[in-house]
N, C-alpha and C. Protein backbone atom coordinates (compact mmCIF):
# COMPACT_ATOMS: atom_id res chain seq x y z
N MET A 1 30.25 -31.31 -10.17
CA MET A 1 29.20 -30.64 -9.41
C MET A 1 29.16 -29.17 -9.84
N GLY A 2 27.94 -28.63 -10.14
CA GLY A 2 27.79 -27.26 -10.60
C GLY A 2 27.92 -26.26 -9.47
N ARG A 3 28.25 -25.02 -9.87
CA ARG A 3 28.35 -23.94 -8.88
C ARG A 3 26.95 -23.45 -8.53
N LYS A 4 26.82 -22.98 -7.30
CA LYS A 4 25.55 -22.41 -6.87
C LYS A 4 25.32 -21.09 -7.60
N LYS A 5 24.12 -20.93 -8.11
CA LYS A 5 23.74 -19.71 -8.80
C LYS A 5 23.49 -18.63 -7.76
N LYS A 6 24.09 -17.46 -7.94
CA LYS A 6 23.88 -16.36 -7.01
C LYS A 6 22.51 -15.75 -7.28
N VAL A 7 21.74 -15.58 -6.22
CA VAL A 7 20.38 -15.06 -6.34
C VAL A 7 20.41 -13.54 -6.18
N ASP A 8 19.82 -12.84 -7.15
CA ASP A 8 19.64 -11.40 -7.05
C ASP A 8 18.38 -11.18 -6.20
N THR A 9 18.58 -10.97 -4.90
CA THR A 9 17.43 -10.94 -3.99
C THR A 9 16.47 -9.79 -4.30
N GLN A 10 16.97 -8.63 -4.70
CA GLN A 10 16.08 -7.51 -5.00
C GLN A 10 15.20 -7.82 -6.21
N GLU A 11 15.80 -8.40 -7.23
CA GLU A 11 15.03 -8.78 -8.42
C GLU A 11 14.01 -9.87 -8.08
N ALA A 12 14.45 -10.85 -7.29
CA ALA A 12 13.54 -11.93 -6.87
C ALA A 12 12.39 -11.37 -6.03
N LEU A 13 12.68 -10.41 -5.15
CA LEU A 13 11.62 -9.79 -4.35
C LEU A 13 10.65 -9.02 -5.23
N SER A 14 11.17 -8.28 -6.20
CA SER A 14 10.29 -7.53 -7.11
C SER A 14 9.35 -8.48 -7.84
N ARG A 15 9.87 -9.60 -8.26
CA ARG A 15 9.05 -10.58 -8.98
C ARG A 15 8.06 -11.27 -8.03
N ALA A 16 8.51 -11.56 -6.82
CA ALA A 16 7.62 -12.20 -5.84
C ALA A 16 6.49 -11.25 -5.45
N VAL A 17 6.78 -9.96 -5.34
CA VAL A 17 5.74 -8.97 -5.04
C VAL A 17 4.63 -9.07 -6.08
N LYS A 18 5.01 -9.15 -7.35
CA LYS A 18 4.02 -9.22 -8.43
C LYS A 18 3.14 -10.47 -8.30
N VAL A 19 3.74 -11.58 -7.89
CA VAL A 19 2.98 -12.82 -7.73
C VAL A 19 1.99 -12.68 -6.58
N PHE A 20 2.48 -12.25 -5.42
CA PHE A 20 1.59 -12.07 -4.26
C PHE A 20 0.52 -11.03 -4.55
N TRP A 21 0.90 -9.96 -5.23
CA TRP A 21 -0.01 -8.87 -5.53
C TRP A 21 -1.16 -9.37 -6.41
N ALA A 22 -0.84 -10.22 -7.36
CA ALA A 22 -1.86 -10.74 -8.28
C ALA A 22 -2.74 -11.82 -7.64
N ARG A 23 -2.15 -12.63 -6.77
CA ARG A 23 -2.87 -13.80 -6.26
C ARG A 23 -3.27 -13.71 -4.79
N GLY A 24 -2.59 -12.86 -4.03
CA GLY A 24 -2.84 -12.80 -2.60
C GLY A 24 -1.97 -13.80 -1.86
N PHE A 25 -1.79 -13.58 -0.57
CA PHE A 25 -0.90 -14.44 0.22
C PHE A 25 -1.38 -15.88 0.25
N HIS A 26 -2.63 -16.08 0.60
CA HIS A 26 -3.13 -17.45 0.79
C HIS A 26 -3.23 -18.23 -0.52
N ALA A 27 -3.59 -17.58 -1.59
CA ALA A 27 -3.76 -18.28 -2.87
C ALA A 27 -2.43 -18.56 -3.57
N THR A 28 -1.38 -17.85 -3.18
CA THR A 28 -0.08 -18.05 -3.82
C THR A 28 0.57 -19.32 -3.31
N THR A 29 1.01 -20.15 -4.24
CA THR A 29 1.70 -21.39 -3.88
C THR A 29 3.20 -21.22 -4.11
N ILE A 30 3.96 -22.13 -3.56
CA ILE A 30 5.41 -22.12 -3.80
C ILE A 30 5.66 -22.30 -5.29
N GLU A 31 4.85 -23.11 -5.94
CA GLU A 31 5.00 -23.31 -7.39
C GLU A 31 4.78 -22.00 -8.15
N ASP A 32 3.78 -21.19 -7.71
CA ASP A 32 3.56 -19.88 -8.32
C ASP A 32 4.80 -19.00 -8.15
N LEU A 33 5.39 -19.08 -6.98
CA LEU A 33 6.59 -18.27 -6.71
C LEU A 33 7.78 -18.76 -7.52
N GLU A 34 7.88 -20.05 -7.71
CA GLU A 34 8.96 -20.59 -8.56
C GLU A 34 8.84 -20.04 -9.98
N VAL A 35 7.63 -20.10 -10.52
CA VAL A 35 7.39 -19.61 -11.88
C VAL A 35 7.62 -18.10 -11.94
N GLY A 36 7.05 -17.38 -10.98
CA GLY A 36 7.13 -15.92 -10.99
C GLY A 36 8.52 -15.35 -10.78
N THR A 37 9.32 -16.03 -9.96
CA THR A 37 10.67 -15.51 -9.66
C THR A 37 11.75 -16.15 -10.53
N GLY A 38 11.44 -17.31 -11.09
CA GLY A 38 12.47 -18.04 -11.85
C GLY A 38 13.40 -18.82 -10.95
N LEU A 39 13.08 -18.90 -9.66
CA LEU A 39 13.91 -19.64 -8.70
C LEU A 39 13.23 -20.95 -8.34
N LEU A 40 14.04 -21.94 -8.08
CA LEU A 40 13.51 -23.21 -7.62
C LEU A 40 13.20 -23.13 -6.13
N LYS A 41 12.36 -24.06 -5.68
CA LYS A 41 11.91 -24.07 -4.29
C LYS A 41 13.08 -23.99 -3.31
N GLY A 42 14.11 -24.76 -3.54
CA GLY A 42 15.27 -24.76 -2.64
C GLY A 42 15.93 -23.40 -2.55
N SER A 43 16.06 -22.73 -3.68
CA SER A 43 16.67 -21.38 -3.69
C SER A 43 15.76 -20.38 -2.97
N LEU A 44 14.46 -20.52 -3.16
CA LEU A 44 13.52 -19.63 -2.46
C LEU A 44 13.66 -19.78 -0.95
N TYR A 45 13.64 -21.03 -0.49
CA TYR A 45 13.74 -21.28 0.95
C TYR A 45 15.10 -20.84 1.49
N GLN A 46 16.14 -21.12 0.74
CA GLN A 46 17.49 -20.76 1.20
C GLN A 46 17.65 -19.24 1.25
N SER A 47 17.08 -18.55 0.29
CA SER A 47 17.25 -17.09 0.22
C SER A 47 16.31 -16.32 1.13
N PHE A 48 15.09 -16.85 1.31
CA PHE A 48 14.07 -16.06 2.00
C PHE A 48 13.38 -16.76 3.17
N GLY A 49 13.64 -18.02 3.37
CA GLY A 49 12.93 -18.75 4.42
C GLY A 49 11.62 -19.28 3.87
N ASN A 50 10.60 -19.34 4.70
CA ASN A 50 9.31 -19.87 4.26
C ASN A 50 8.49 -18.82 3.51
N LYS A 51 7.31 -19.22 3.06
CA LYS A 51 6.44 -18.34 2.27
C LYS A 51 6.06 -17.09 3.06
N GLU A 52 5.76 -17.25 4.34
CA GLU A 52 5.36 -16.09 5.15
C GLU A 52 6.51 -15.10 5.30
N LYS A 53 7.71 -15.59 5.51
CA LYS A 53 8.87 -14.69 5.61
C LYS A 53 9.11 -13.96 4.29
N LEU A 54 8.97 -14.69 3.19
CA LEU A 54 9.13 -14.06 1.87
C LEU A 54 8.06 -12.99 1.68
N PHE A 55 6.84 -13.28 2.08
CA PHE A 55 5.77 -12.31 1.93
C PHE A 55 6.04 -11.06 2.78
N GLN A 56 6.51 -11.26 4.00
CA GLN A 56 6.85 -10.12 4.86
C GLN A 56 7.90 -9.24 4.17
N LEU A 57 8.92 -9.88 3.60
CA LEU A 57 9.96 -9.13 2.88
C LEU A 57 9.35 -8.41 1.68
N CYS A 58 8.40 -9.06 1.01
CA CYS A 58 7.74 -8.43 -0.14
C CYS A 58 6.96 -7.19 0.29
N LEU A 59 6.32 -7.25 1.45
CA LEU A 59 5.58 -6.09 1.95
C LEU A 59 6.52 -4.92 2.20
N TYR A 60 7.70 -5.18 2.75
CA TYR A 60 8.67 -4.11 2.99
C TYR A 60 9.24 -3.59 1.68
N HIS A 61 9.46 -4.49 0.74
CA HIS A 61 9.95 -4.10 -0.59
C HIS A 61 8.91 -3.21 -1.28
N TYR A 62 7.65 -3.61 -1.20
CA TYR A 62 6.54 -2.84 -1.78
C TYR A 62 6.49 -1.45 -1.13
N ALA A 63 6.66 -1.40 0.17
CA ALA A 63 6.65 -0.11 0.88
C ALA A 63 7.75 0.80 0.36
N ALA A 64 8.93 0.24 0.16
CA ALA A 64 10.06 1.04 -0.30
C ALA A 64 9.87 1.50 -1.75
N GLU A 65 9.29 0.65 -2.58
CA GLU A 65 9.15 0.94 -4.00
C GLU A 65 7.90 1.75 -4.34
N VAL A 66 6.78 1.44 -3.74
CA VAL A 66 5.50 2.04 -4.13
C VAL A 66 5.01 3.05 -3.10
N VAL A 67 4.91 2.63 -1.86
CA VAL A 67 4.34 3.48 -0.82
C VAL A 67 5.18 4.74 -0.61
N GLU A 68 6.47 4.57 -0.55
CA GLU A 68 7.33 5.74 -0.29
C GLU A 68 7.24 6.75 -1.43
N ARG A 69 7.09 6.28 -2.66
CA ARG A 69 6.93 7.19 -3.80
C ARG A 69 5.65 8.00 -3.65
N ARG A 70 4.57 7.36 -3.20
CA ARG A 70 3.30 8.07 -3.02
C ARG A 70 3.39 9.08 -1.89
N ARG A 71 4.07 8.71 -0.83
CA ARG A 71 4.25 9.66 0.28
C ARG A 71 5.08 10.86 -0.16
N GLU A 72 6.07 10.61 -0.99
CA GLU A 72 6.93 11.69 -1.47
C GLU A 72 6.12 12.67 -2.33
N LEU A 73 5.17 12.19 -3.10
CA LEU A 73 4.29 13.08 -3.88
C LEU A 73 3.57 14.05 -2.96
N VAL A 74 3.12 13.56 -1.83
CA VAL A 74 2.41 14.40 -0.87
C VAL A 74 3.37 15.42 -0.25
N ARG A 75 4.52 14.93 0.18
CA ARG A 75 5.51 15.82 0.84
C ARG A 75 5.98 16.94 -0.08
N MET A 76 6.13 16.64 -1.37
CA MET A 76 6.71 17.61 -2.30
C MET A 76 5.70 18.60 -2.86
N ALA A 77 4.43 18.41 -2.59
CA ALA A 77 3.39 19.31 -3.11
C ALA A 77 3.56 20.70 -2.51
N PRO A 78 3.15 21.72 -3.26
CA PRO A 78 3.29 23.10 -2.76
C PRO A 78 2.59 23.34 -1.42
N THR A 79 1.43 22.70 -1.23
CA THR A 79 0.74 22.81 0.05
C THR A 79 0.32 21.40 0.48
N ALA A 80 0.05 21.27 1.75
CA ALA A 80 -0.40 19.97 2.27
C ALA A 80 -1.73 19.58 1.65
N ARG A 81 -2.64 20.54 1.53
CA ARG A 81 -3.95 20.25 0.94
C ARG A 81 -3.78 19.73 -0.49
N GLU A 82 -2.94 20.38 -1.27
CA GLU A 82 -2.67 19.91 -2.64
C GLU A 82 -2.04 18.53 -2.62
N GLY A 83 -1.16 18.29 -1.67
CA GLY A 83 -0.52 16.98 -1.55
C GLY A 83 -1.53 15.88 -1.28
N ILE A 84 -2.47 16.17 -0.39
CA ILE A 84 -3.52 15.19 -0.08
C ILE A 84 -4.36 14.93 -1.33
N ARG A 85 -4.70 15.99 -2.03
CA ARG A 85 -5.49 15.86 -3.27
C ARG A 85 -4.70 15.06 -4.32
N ILE A 86 -3.41 15.36 -4.47
CA ILE A 86 -2.57 14.63 -5.43
C ILE A 86 -2.53 13.15 -5.08
N PHE A 87 -2.41 12.84 -3.80
CA PHE A 87 -2.36 11.45 -3.36
C PHE A 87 -3.60 10.69 -3.81
N PHE A 88 -4.78 11.27 -3.55
CA PHE A 88 -6.01 10.58 -3.90
C PHE A 88 -6.27 10.57 -5.40
N THR A 89 -5.85 11.60 -6.10
CA THR A 89 -5.97 11.60 -7.57
C THR A 89 -5.09 10.50 -8.16
N GLU A 90 -3.88 10.37 -7.66
CA GLU A 90 -2.97 9.31 -8.10
C GLU A 90 -3.56 7.94 -7.81
N LEU A 91 -4.12 7.77 -6.62
CA LEU A 91 -4.73 6.50 -6.26
C LEU A 91 -5.87 6.16 -7.23
N ILE A 92 -6.71 7.13 -7.53
CA ILE A 92 -7.83 6.91 -8.45
C ILE A 92 -7.31 6.62 -9.86
N ASN A 93 -6.33 7.37 -10.31
CA ASN A 93 -5.77 7.14 -11.66
C ASN A 93 -5.20 5.74 -11.80
N ILE A 94 -4.46 5.31 -10.80
CA ILE A 94 -3.87 3.96 -10.83
C ILE A 94 -4.98 2.90 -10.78
N SER A 95 -5.98 3.13 -9.94
CA SER A 95 -7.05 2.15 -9.75
C SER A 95 -7.91 1.98 -10.99
N THR A 96 -8.04 3.04 -11.79
CA THR A 96 -8.93 2.99 -12.95
C THR A 96 -8.20 2.80 -14.27
N ARG A 97 -6.90 2.73 -14.21
CA ARG A 97 -6.09 2.64 -15.44
C ARG A 97 -6.37 1.37 -16.24
N SER A 98 -6.52 0.26 -15.56
CA SER A 98 -6.67 -1.01 -16.25
C SER A 98 -7.53 -1.95 -15.43
N LYS A 99 -8.32 -2.76 -16.12
CA LYS A 99 -9.13 -3.76 -15.40
C LYS A 99 -8.24 -4.83 -14.80
N LYS A 100 -7.01 -4.93 -15.26
CA LYS A 100 -6.08 -5.93 -14.73
C LYS A 100 -5.30 -5.41 -13.54
N ASN A 101 -5.53 -4.14 -13.18
CA ASN A 101 -4.83 -3.56 -12.03
C ASN A 101 -5.19 -4.36 -10.78
N PRO A 102 -4.17 -4.89 -10.08
CA PRO A 102 -4.47 -5.73 -8.92
C PRO A 102 -4.86 -4.95 -7.67
N GLY A 103 -4.87 -3.62 -7.72
CA GLY A 103 -5.20 -2.84 -6.53
C GLY A 103 -3.97 -2.58 -5.69
N CYS A 104 -4.18 -2.36 -4.42
CA CYS A 104 -3.09 -2.07 -3.49
C CYS A 104 -2.72 -3.35 -2.75
N LEU A 105 -1.44 -3.68 -2.75
CA LEU A 105 -0.99 -4.89 -2.07
C LEU A 105 -1.35 -4.87 -0.59
N ASN A 106 -1.18 -3.73 0.06
CA ASN A 106 -1.50 -3.64 1.49
C ASN A 106 -3.00 -3.86 1.74
N THR A 107 -3.84 -3.19 0.96
CA THR A 107 -5.28 -3.37 1.13
C THR A 107 -5.69 -4.80 0.83
N ASN A 108 -5.18 -5.35 -0.26
CA ASN A 108 -5.49 -6.74 -0.60
C ASN A 108 -5.10 -7.68 0.53
N THR A 109 -3.96 -7.40 1.14
CA THR A 109 -3.49 -8.24 2.25
C THR A 109 -4.44 -8.14 3.44
N ILE A 110 -4.80 -6.92 3.80
CA ILE A 110 -5.70 -6.71 4.94
C ILE A 110 -7.02 -7.43 4.70
N VAL A 111 -7.58 -7.27 3.52
CA VAL A 111 -8.87 -7.89 3.20
C VAL A 111 -8.78 -9.41 3.27
N GLY A 112 -7.63 -9.97 2.90
CA GLY A 112 -7.48 -11.42 2.85
C GLY A 112 -6.99 -12.08 4.13
N LEU A 113 -6.77 -11.30 5.18
CA LEU A 113 -6.24 -11.87 6.42
C LEU A 113 -7.24 -12.81 7.10
N LEU A 114 -6.70 -13.86 7.68
CA LEU A 114 -7.48 -14.80 8.47
C LEU A 114 -7.09 -14.63 9.93
N PRO A 115 -7.96 -15.02 10.88
CA PRO A 115 -7.64 -14.86 12.30
C PRO A 115 -6.30 -15.48 12.71
N GLU A 116 -5.91 -16.57 12.06
CA GLU A 116 -4.66 -17.23 12.44
C GLU A 116 -3.41 -16.56 11.86
N ASP A 117 -3.57 -15.52 11.05
CA ASP A 117 -2.43 -14.81 10.44
C ASP A 117 -1.87 -13.77 11.40
N LYS A 118 -1.53 -14.20 12.60
CA LYS A 118 -1.14 -13.27 13.67
C LYS A 118 0.04 -12.37 13.30
N LYS A 119 1.08 -12.93 12.69
CA LYS A 119 2.25 -12.12 12.33
C LYS A 119 1.89 -11.10 11.25
N LEU A 120 1.10 -11.52 10.27
CA LEU A 120 0.69 -10.60 9.22
C LEU A 120 -0.26 -9.53 9.76
N ILE A 121 -1.13 -9.90 10.67
CA ILE A 121 -2.02 -8.92 11.30
C ILE A 121 -1.19 -7.85 12.02
N LYS A 122 -0.17 -8.30 12.73
CA LYS A 122 0.72 -7.36 13.43
C LYS A 122 1.44 -6.45 12.43
N THR A 123 1.96 -7.04 11.37
CA THR A 123 2.66 -6.25 10.34
C THR A 123 1.74 -5.21 9.73
N MET A 124 0.53 -5.61 9.35
CA MET A 124 -0.39 -4.68 8.71
C MET A 124 -0.87 -3.61 9.69
N SER A 125 -1.03 -3.97 10.95
CA SER A 125 -1.39 -2.99 11.96
C SER A 125 -0.28 -1.94 12.10
N GLU A 126 0.96 -2.38 12.06
CA GLU A 126 2.10 -1.44 12.12
C GLU A 126 2.12 -0.53 10.90
N LYS A 127 1.78 -1.07 9.74
CA LYS A 127 1.74 -0.25 8.53
C LYS A 127 0.66 0.82 8.64
N ILE A 128 -0.50 0.45 9.17
CA ILE A 128 -1.57 1.43 9.37
C ILE A 128 -1.12 2.50 10.37
N SER A 129 -0.44 2.10 11.42
CA SER A 129 0.08 3.08 12.39
C SER A 129 1.07 4.03 11.73
N GLY A 130 1.88 3.50 10.82
CA GLY A 130 2.82 4.35 10.08
C GLY A 130 2.09 5.38 9.23
N TRP A 131 1.01 4.95 8.59
CA TRP A 131 0.20 5.88 7.80
C TRP A 131 -0.45 6.92 8.71
N GLU A 132 -0.88 6.50 9.88
CA GLU A 132 -1.51 7.44 10.81
C GLU A 132 -0.54 8.57 11.16
N GLU A 133 0.68 8.20 11.48
CA GLU A 133 1.69 9.22 11.83
C GLU A 133 2.02 10.10 10.63
N PHE A 134 2.10 9.50 9.45
CA PHE A 134 2.37 10.27 8.22
C PHE A 134 1.28 11.31 8.00
N TRP A 135 0.01 10.87 8.06
CA TRP A 135 -1.08 11.80 7.81
C TRP A 135 -1.17 12.88 8.89
N ILE A 136 -0.84 12.55 10.12
CA ILE A 136 -0.83 13.58 11.17
C ILE A 136 0.16 14.68 10.80
N GLN A 137 1.35 14.29 10.35
CA GLN A 137 2.35 15.29 9.95
C GLN A 137 1.82 16.18 8.82
N ILE A 138 1.18 15.55 7.85
CA ILE A 138 0.66 16.31 6.71
C ILE A 138 -0.49 17.23 7.16
N LEU A 139 -1.37 16.73 8.01
CA LEU A 139 -2.47 17.56 8.50
C LEU A 139 -1.97 18.71 9.36
N GLU A 140 -0.96 18.47 10.19
CA GLU A 140 -0.37 19.56 10.98
C GLU A 140 0.21 20.63 10.05
N ARG A 141 0.85 20.19 8.98
CA ARG A 141 1.37 21.14 7.99
C ARG A 141 0.22 21.93 7.38
N HIS A 142 -0.87 21.26 7.06
CA HIS A 142 -2.04 21.93 6.47
C HIS A 142 -2.56 23.02 7.41
N TYR A 143 -2.70 22.70 8.69
CA TYR A 143 -3.24 23.69 9.62
C TYR A 143 -2.26 24.85 9.82
N LYS A 144 -0.99 24.57 9.79
CA LYS A 144 0.02 25.64 9.89
C LYS A 144 -0.07 26.54 8.65
N GLU A 145 -0.18 25.94 7.47
CA GLU A 145 -0.25 26.72 6.23
C GLU A 145 -1.51 27.58 6.16
N THR A 146 -2.60 27.08 6.72
CA THR A 146 -3.86 27.82 6.69
C THR A 146 -4.05 28.69 7.94
N LYS A 147 -3.01 28.73 8.77
CA LYS A 147 -3.00 29.55 9.98
C LYS A 147 -4.17 29.22 10.91
N LYS A 148 -4.44 27.93 10.99
CA LYS A 148 -5.48 27.45 11.90
C LYS A 148 -4.83 26.60 12.97
N LYS A 149 -5.46 26.60 14.12
CA LYS A 149 -4.98 25.78 15.22
C LYS A 149 -5.19 24.30 14.86
N VAL A 150 -4.18 23.48 15.17
CA VAL A 150 -4.32 22.04 14.93
C VAL A 150 -5.41 21.53 15.86
N PRO A 151 -6.46 20.93 15.30
CA PRO A 151 -7.55 20.47 16.15
C PRO A 151 -7.14 19.29 17.03
N ALA A 152 -7.83 19.17 18.14
CA ALA A 152 -7.54 18.08 19.08
C ALA A 152 -7.79 16.72 18.44
N ASP A 153 -8.67 16.69 17.44
CA ASP A 153 -9.00 15.41 16.81
C ASP A 153 -8.16 15.12 15.55
N VAL A 154 -6.99 15.73 15.43
CA VAL A 154 -6.17 15.53 14.23
C VAL A 154 -5.84 14.05 14.03
N ARG A 155 -5.68 13.31 15.11
CA ARG A 155 -5.42 11.86 14.99
C ARG A 155 -6.62 11.16 14.35
N PHE A 156 -7.82 11.59 14.70
CA PHE A 156 -9.03 11.00 14.11
C PHE A 156 -9.14 11.39 12.64
N GLN A 157 -8.74 12.61 12.31
CA GLN A 157 -8.74 13.04 10.91
C GLN A 157 -7.75 12.19 10.11
N SER A 158 -6.62 11.89 10.72
CA SER A 158 -5.63 11.02 10.08
C SER A 158 -6.23 9.64 9.81
N ARG A 159 -6.93 9.12 10.78
CA ARG A 159 -7.58 7.81 10.61
C ARG A 159 -8.66 7.87 9.54
N HIS A 160 -9.32 8.99 9.44
CA HIS A 160 -10.31 9.22 8.39
C HIS A 160 -9.65 9.05 7.01
N LEU A 161 -8.45 9.61 6.85
CA LEU A 161 -7.73 9.49 5.57
C LEU A 161 -7.30 8.05 5.30
N ILE A 162 -6.96 7.33 6.35
CA ILE A 162 -6.60 5.91 6.20
C ILE A 162 -7.80 5.11 5.71
N VAL A 163 -8.94 5.33 6.35
CA VAL A 163 -10.15 4.60 5.97
C VAL A 163 -10.58 5.01 4.55
N LEU A 164 -10.44 6.28 4.22
CA LEU A 164 -10.75 6.73 2.86
C LEU A 164 -9.86 6.00 1.85
N THR A 165 -8.58 5.91 2.14
CA THR A 165 -7.64 5.22 1.25
C THR A 165 -8.02 3.76 1.08
N GLN A 166 -8.21 3.07 2.20
CA GLN A 166 -8.53 1.64 2.13
C GLN A 166 -9.88 1.43 1.44
N GLY A 167 -10.85 2.26 1.76
CA GLY A 167 -12.17 2.14 1.13
C GLY A 167 -12.10 2.35 -0.37
N LEU A 168 -11.36 3.38 -0.81
CA LEU A 168 -11.21 3.62 -2.25
C LEU A 168 -10.53 2.43 -2.93
N ASN A 169 -9.52 1.88 -2.27
CA ASN A 169 -8.82 0.73 -2.85
C ASN A 169 -9.76 -0.45 -3.05
N VAL A 170 -10.69 -0.64 -2.13
CA VAL A 170 -11.64 -1.75 -2.24
C VAL A 170 -12.72 -1.42 -3.27
N VAL A 171 -13.35 -0.26 -3.14
CA VAL A 171 -14.46 0.11 -4.02
C VAL A 171 -14.00 0.20 -5.48
N SER A 172 -12.78 0.70 -5.71
CA SER A 172 -12.30 0.87 -7.09
C SER A 172 -12.08 -0.46 -7.81
N LYS A 173 -12.09 -1.56 -7.08
CA LYS A 173 -11.97 -2.86 -7.74
C LYS A 173 -13.25 -3.19 -8.52
N VAL A 174 -14.37 -2.62 -8.10
CA VAL A 174 -15.63 -2.90 -8.79
C VAL A 174 -16.25 -1.65 -9.42
N LYS A 175 -15.89 -0.49 -8.95
CA LYS A 175 -16.39 0.78 -9.49
C LYS A 175 -15.19 1.55 -10.03
N ARG A 176 -14.93 1.43 -11.31
CA ARG A 176 -13.75 2.06 -11.91
C ARG A 176 -14.07 3.41 -12.56
N ASP A 177 -15.12 4.04 -12.11
CA ASP A 177 -15.58 5.31 -12.63
C ASP A 177 -14.88 6.44 -11.88
N LYS A 178 -14.03 7.19 -12.58
CA LYS A 178 -13.26 8.27 -11.93
C LYS A 178 -14.17 9.31 -11.27
N GLU A 179 -15.22 9.70 -11.97
CA GLU A 179 -16.11 10.72 -11.41
C GLU A 179 -16.73 10.23 -10.10
N TYR A 180 -17.15 9.00 -10.08
CA TYR A 180 -17.74 8.40 -8.88
C TYR A 180 -16.72 8.41 -7.74
N LEU A 181 -15.50 7.97 -8.02
CA LEU A 181 -14.46 7.90 -6.98
C LEU A 181 -14.05 9.29 -6.50
N HIS A 182 -13.95 10.24 -7.44
CA HIS A 182 -13.61 11.61 -7.04
C HIS A 182 -14.71 12.23 -6.17
N SER A 183 -15.96 11.86 -6.42
CA SER A 183 -17.05 12.41 -5.60
C SER A 183 -16.91 11.92 -4.15
N ILE A 184 -16.46 10.70 -3.97
CA ILE A 184 -16.22 10.18 -2.62
C ILE A 184 -15.11 10.98 -1.94
N VAL A 185 -14.03 11.21 -2.67
CA VAL A 185 -12.90 11.97 -2.12
C VAL A 185 -13.32 13.39 -1.81
N ASP A 186 -14.01 14.04 -2.74
CA ASP A 186 -14.43 15.43 -2.52
C ASP A 186 -15.25 15.55 -1.24
N SER A 187 -16.18 14.66 -1.06
CA SER A 187 -17.02 14.68 0.14
C SER A 187 -16.20 14.42 1.40
N ALA A 188 -15.31 13.44 1.32
CA ALA A 188 -14.53 13.05 2.49
C ALA A 188 -13.51 14.11 2.91
N LEU A 189 -13.08 14.95 1.96
CA LEU A 189 -12.06 15.97 2.27
C LEU A 189 -12.65 17.34 2.61
N LEU A 190 -13.95 17.42 2.78
CA LEU A 190 -14.57 18.71 3.11
C LEU A 190 -14.01 19.30 4.41
N PHE A 191 -13.58 18.43 5.32
CA PHE A 191 -13.07 18.94 6.59
C PHE A 191 -11.81 19.81 6.43
N LEU A 192 -11.15 19.70 5.27
CA LEU A 192 -9.94 20.51 5.03
C LEU A 192 -10.26 21.95 4.66
N GLY A 193 -11.50 22.21 4.28
CA GLY A 193 -11.89 23.55 3.83
C GLY A 193 -11.45 23.80 2.40
N LYS A 194 -11.67 25.01 1.96
CA LYS A 194 -11.33 25.39 0.57
C LYS A 194 -9.88 25.81 0.44
């Protein structure tokens, strides 16, 4: 009898993220995951549970690998305004780099949700709430740097940035023109001032 092969869960998650990212949650089959991760069905189930649990883990893995890097770009910018601009420039650059670019895993997930995906809806709602709090912190920094009072509607401004992000992620799938996408950002960021 052979020994059980030890599964490198981080490597398997990275590979599973790529499969889900390319195909979406609903279109991805266990067979796709077997091919993409190099693991057999039994190893997938034993290591991660069912497809939905694996996908949830992939979303957290994606957040740690991709989302946190983008947030760090904003945090490390000399000013909050520059950080916001860097964030959207990076998003546009990534979106227009290749026609094979699958877009944003989070946006793709939100767009593909069905009413019965209650756990995923909850997860994605929590992710949006996390972005809301992140953008509030950055906007508060912006108002402090510009010596302006934080407006009462800063939470709505934060939501504005979330919708701008999600909208760009969707529109850039069919409009890969940088100038076009930057014009959307320029208009949407007018509330920040010069």
